[in-house]
């Protein structure tokens, strides 16, 4: 279970992007059930944290790290090491899956809808599909805005998702069921993203210490143990 929770967390890794000024963006879910905070430094460093208080991500110098609380203090894991461990675990769980079967992963194509307003911000909505009567199916999965103020956030989220897809590619091969999402994130900054809505944005100065790794990254065998993945 711990392995699966940490594996899922890779999907919300923030990736470094250029920015003109410090920026903090706060997302909230329905009834405040989930939150996500993305801090972007003027030099491109990024820190991202969801509602879970015991883990967060930092990206600096184009490398991503997950910082996980443990009984021995914070553990820093390189994202590429985590992806390697995930790929090894998937191979152990499905040792006989032929490479061509990986291409059968369902594709998450998104259908473009019209303009909507989310917490006072306008954007274009994308849905899981459009019904025969022309009405969108369900709530929008993503809503993107071309507001220039949000441009650094848009680039950050796009790069973040691209890195996540690259990491998943270690065990999915050439299959890419998330290409539709990648294409949508190219169109602007997400003011809605898989159930989260952009709530507040500010450009207050962020202390440099927020982007410092608390300790040296773990070796890959230590990453394996921290993720609860067991031996190779």
Protein backbone atom coordinates (compact mmCIF):
# COMPACT_ATOMS: atom_id res chain seq x y z
CA UNK A 1 0.00 0.00 0.00
CA UNK A 2 2.78 2.41 0.89
CA UNK A 3 4.44 1.67 -2.46
CA UNK A 4 1.22 2.44 -4.34
CA UNK A 5 0.68 5.72 -2.48
CA UNK A 6 4.19 6.94 -3.23
CA UNK A 7 3.89 5.78 -6.85
CA UNK A 8 0.72 7.81 -7.30
CA UNK A 9 2.44 10.87 -5.90
CA UNK A 10 4.80 11.02 -8.88
CA UNK A 11 1.80 12.24 -10.92
CA UNK A 12 1.88 15.52 -9.03
CA UNK A 13 5.59 16.24 -9.27
CA UNK A 14 6.33 19.94 -10.09
CA UNK A 15 9.05 20.55 -12.69
CA UNK A 16 11.31 23.63 -12.87
CA UNK A 17 10.28 26.43 -15.22
CA UNK A 18 11.42 29.93 -16.04
CA UNK A 19 9.49 32.67 -14.24
CA UNK A 20 9.70 36.46 -14.15
CA UNK A 21 8.92 36.72 -10.43
CA UNK A 22 8.17 34.51 -7.47
CA UNK A 23 4.69 33.02 -7.68
CA UNK A 24 2.53 30.95 -5.35
CA UNK A 25 -0.59 29.22 -6.67
CA UNK A 26 -3.09 27.46 -4.40
CA UNK A 27 -5.56 24.88 -5.71
CA UNK A 28 -8.50 23.48 -3.75
CA UNK A 29 -10.84 20.56 -4.25
CA UNK A 30 -14.55 20.40 -3.57
CA UNK A 31 -15.33 21.29 0.06
CA UNK A 32 -11.62 21.78 0.63
CA UNK A 33 -11.14 17.99 0.64
CA UNK A 34 -7.82 18.30 -1.18
CA UNK A 35 -5.35 21.10 -1.72
CA UNK A 36 -2.27 21.68 -3.82
CA UNK A 37 0.26 24.48 -3.39
CA UNK A 38 2.81 25.30 -6.09
CA UNK A 39 5.61 27.75 -5.34
CA UNK A 40 7.68 28.96 -8.30
CA UNK A 41 10.87 30.91 -7.61
CA UNK A 42 12.12 33.60 -9.98
CA UNK A 43 15.10 31.35 -10.85
CA UNK A 44 12.83 28.46 -11.87
CA UNK A 45 13.00 26.35 -8.71
CA UNK A 46 9.64 24.81 -7.79
CA UNK A 47 8.15 23.37 -4.61
CA UNK A 48 4.83 21.53 -4.71
CA UNK A 49 2.78 20.04 -1.92
CA UNK A 50 -0.62 18.41 -1.82
CA UNK A 51 -2.75 18.08 1.29
CA UNK A 52 -0.50 15.29 2.62
CA UNK A 53 1.72 16.94 5.26
CA UNK A 54 4.42 14.26 5.22
CA UNK A 55 5.67 14.66 1.64
CA UNK A 56 6.45 17.37 -0.89
CA UNK A 57 8.35 17.83 -4.15
CA UNK A 58 11.19 20.13 -5.09
CA UNK A 59 12.61 20.72 -8.53
CA UNK A 60 15.92 22.51 -8.90
CA UNK A 61 18.50 22.54 -11.69
CA UNK A 62 16.06 20.57 -13.86
CA UNK A 63 16.01 17.62 -11.44
CA UNK A 64 13.00 16.52 -9.41
CA UNK A 65 13.05 15.23 -5.86
CA UNK A 66 10.46 13.87 -3.46
CA UNK A 67 10.98 14.60 0.22
CA UNK A 68 9.28 12.02 2.42
CA UNK A 69 9.04 12.17 6.22
CA UNK A 70 10.37 9.06 7.98
CA UNK A 71 11.10 8.08 11.58
CA UNK A 72 14.77 8.84 10.86
CA UNK A 73 14.05 12.30 9.47
CA UNK A 74 13.37 13.54 5.93
CA UNK A 75 14.29 11.20 3.08
CA UNK A 76 15.14 12.79 -0.29
CA UNK A 77 14.53 10.62 -3.36
CA UNK A 78 15.38 11.44 -6.97
CA UNK A 79 12.34 11.09 -9.19
CA UNK A 80 14.25 9.04 -11.76
CA UNK A 81 15.21 6.56 -9.03
CA UNK A 82 11.59 6.33 -7.92
CA UNK A 83 10.53 5.67 -11.51
CA UNK A 84 13.14 2.90 -11.82
CA UNK A 85 11.83 1.25 -8.66
CA UNK A 86 8.24 1.55 -9.90
CA UNK A 87 9.17 -0.06 -13.22
CA UNK A 88 10.91 -2.93 -11.45
CA UNK A 89 7.89 -3.48 -9.21
CA UNK A 90 5.49 -3.46 -12.15
CA UNK A 91 7.65 -6.04 -13.90
CA UNK A 92 7.58 -8.24 -10.78
CA UNK A 93 3.79 -7.95 -10.51
CA UNK A 94 3.22 -8.64 -14.23
CA UNK A 95 6.29 -10.64 -15.32
CA UNK A 96 4.62 -12.26 -18.32
CA UNK A 97 3.07 -9.17 -19.90
CA UNK A 98 4.33 -8.93 -23.50
CA UNK A 99 5.53 -5.47 -24.61
CA UNK A 100 2.72 -5.13 -27.15
CA UNK A 101 0.08 -5.48 -24.41
CA UNK A 102 1.31 -2.28 -22.79
CA UNK A 103 -0.04 -0.42 -25.80
CA UNK A 104 -3.55 -1.50 -24.79
CA UNK A 105 -3.59 1.05 -21.94
CA UNK A 106 -6.76 3.17 -22.27
CA UNK A 107 -6.20 6.58 -23.80
CA UNK A 108 -7.42 9.67 -21.95
CA UNK A 109 -8.48 11.77 -24.92
CA UNK A 110 -10.17 15.03 -23.94
CA UNK A 111 -12.92 16.84 -25.86
CA UNK A 112 -12.81 20.63 -26.15
CA UNK A 113 -15.85 22.50 -24.89
CA UNK A 114 -16.66 26.17 -24.53
CA UNK A 115 -15.59 28.99 -22.25
CA UNK A 116 -16.41 28.69 -18.55
CA UNK A 117 -15.72 30.82 -15.48
CA UNK A 118 -13.98 29.25 -12.50
CA UNK A 119 -13.64 31.37 -9.34
CA UNK A 120 -13.73 34.54 -11.42
CA UNK A 121 -11.23 33.36 -14.05
CA UNK A 122 -12.25 32.50 -17.61
CA UNK A 123 -10.89 29.52 -19.51
CA UNK A 124 -11.63 26.83 -22.07
CA UNK A 125 -13.04 23.61 -20.67
CA UNK A 126 -12.02 20.09 -21.72
CA UNK A 127 -14.17 17.06 -20.95
CA UNK A 128 -13.97 13.28 -21.09
CA UNK A 129 -16.32 13.46 -24.05
CA UNK A 130 -19.21 15.23 -25.77
CA UNK A 131 -22.61 13.51 -25.96
CA UNK A 132 -24.61 13.14 -29.17
CA UNK A 133 -26.76 16.11 -28.18
CA UNK A 134 -23.63 18.27 -28.08
CA UNK A 135 -23.54 18.56 -24.30
CA UNK A 136 -20.31 17.77 -22.47
CA UNK A 137 -20.09 14.60 -20.42
CA UNK A 138 -19.61 15.32 -16.72
CA UNK A 139 -17.62 18.16 -15.22
CA UNK A 140 -14.56 19.54 -17.01
CA UNK A 141 -11.40 17.54 -16.36
CA UNK A 142 -9.20 20.52 -17.23
CA UNK A 143 -9.89 24.22 -17.81
CA UNK A 144 -7.02 26.27 -19.24
CA UNK A 145 -6.54 30.03 -19.15
CA UNK A 146 -4.36 32.23 -21.36
CA UNK A 147 -4.17 35.00 -18.74
CA UNK A 148 -0.56 36.33 -19.00
CA UNK A 149 -0.30 36.51 -15.21
CA UNK A 150 -0.69 32.73 -15.07
CA UNK A 151 1.84 31.96 -17.81
CA UNK A 152 4.61 30.75 -15.43
CA UNK A 153 2.12 28.41 -13.79
CA UNK A 154 1.06 27.07 -17.17
CA UNK A 155 4.61 26.27 -18.19
CA UNK A 156 5.31 24.68 -14.80
CA UNK A 157 2.29 22.41 -14.94
CA UNK A 158 3.02 21.43 -18.55
CA UNK A 159 6.62 20.50 -17.74
CA UNK A 160 5.54 18.71 -14.59
CA UNK A 161 3.11 16.52 -16.47
CA UNK A 162 5.59 15.83 -19.27
CA UNK A 163 8.12 14.63 -16.70
CA UNK A 164 5.53 12.36 -15.11
CA UNK A 165 4.73 10.83 -18.50
CA UNK A 166 8.43 10.30 -19.19
CA UNK A 167 8.79 8.53 -15.85
CA UNK A 168 5.80 6.27 -16.53
CA UNK A 169 7.33 5.47 -19.91
CA UNK A 170 9.89 3.28 -18.15
CA UNK A 171 7.28 0.54 -17.82
CA UNK A 172 4.75 1.56 -20.50
CA UNK A 173 7.30 1.71 -23.31
CA UNK A 174 6.15 3.65 -26.35
CA UNK A 175 2.54 3.68 -25.15
CA UNK A 176 1.36 7.13 -24.05
CA UNK A 177 -2.27 7.18 -22.92
CA UNK A 178 -1.81 10.74 -21.59
CA UNK A 179 -0.97 12.47 -24.87
CA UNK A 180 -4.40 14.14 -24.88
CA UNK A 181 -3.69 15.74 -21.51
CA UNK A 182 -0.23 16.81 -22.66
CA UNK A 183 -1.77 18.55 -25.68
CA UNK A 184 -4.35 20.34 -23.54
CA UNK A 185 -1.73 21.61 -21.08
CA UNK A 186 0.04 23.29 -23.99
CA UNK A 187 -2.95 25.61 -24.42
CA UNK A 188 -2.61 27.54 -21.14
CA UNK A 189 -2.45 27.47 -17.36
CA UNK A 190 -4.89 25.02 -15.75
CA UNK A 191 -7.44 26.75 -13.55
CA UNK A 192 -9.11 23.36 -13.16
CA UNK A 193 -6.95 20.25 -13.03
CA UNK A 194 -8.46 16.81 -12.32
CA UNK A 195 -10.82 17.95 -9.59
CA UNK A 196 -8.76 20.86 -8.25
CA UNK A 197 -9.61 24.51 -8.89
CA UNK A 198 -7.12 27.39 -8.86
CA UNK A 199 -8.10 29.48 -5.84
CA UNK A 200 -5.46 32.14 -5.13
CA UNK A 201 -2.31 33.46 -6.79
CA UNK A 202 0.24 35.84 -5.33
CA UNK A 203 3.71 37.11 -6.18
CA UNK A 204 5.11 37.53 -2.68
CA UNK A 205 8.81 36.84 -2.24
CA UNK A 206 9.41 33.18 -1.38
CA UNK A 207 12.35 32.47 0.98
CA UNK A 208 15.15 30.64 -0.82
CA UNK A 209 15.21 28.08 2.00
CA UNK A 210 11.89 26.72 0.72
CA UNK A 211 13.72 25.17 -2.24
CA UNK A 212 16.72 23.70 -0.40
CA UNK A 213 16.96 19.92 -0.09
CA UNK A 214 17.01 19.01 3.62
CA UNK A 215 19.62 16.27 3.09
CA UNK A 216 21.50 14.40 0.36
CA UNK A 217 19.42 12.17 -1.95
CA UNK A 218 19.20 8.49 -1.05
CA UNK A 219 20.93 5.74 -2.96
CA UNK A 220 18.57 3.65 -5.06
CA UNK A 221 18.59 0.70 -2.63
CA UNK A 222 17.54 3.12 0.11
CA UNK A 223 14.83 4.48 -2.18
CA UNK A 224 13.55 0.93 -2.60
CA UNK A 225 13.27 0.48 1.15
CA UNK A 226 11.64 3.87 1.69
CA UNK A 227 9.04 3.13 -0.98
CA UNK A 228 8.31 -0.24 0.63
CA UNK A 229 9.19 -1.98 -2.63
CA UNK A 230 11.37 -4.73 -1.16
CA UNK A 231 14.50 -6.14 -2.84
CA UNK A 232 15.17 -5.70 -6.55
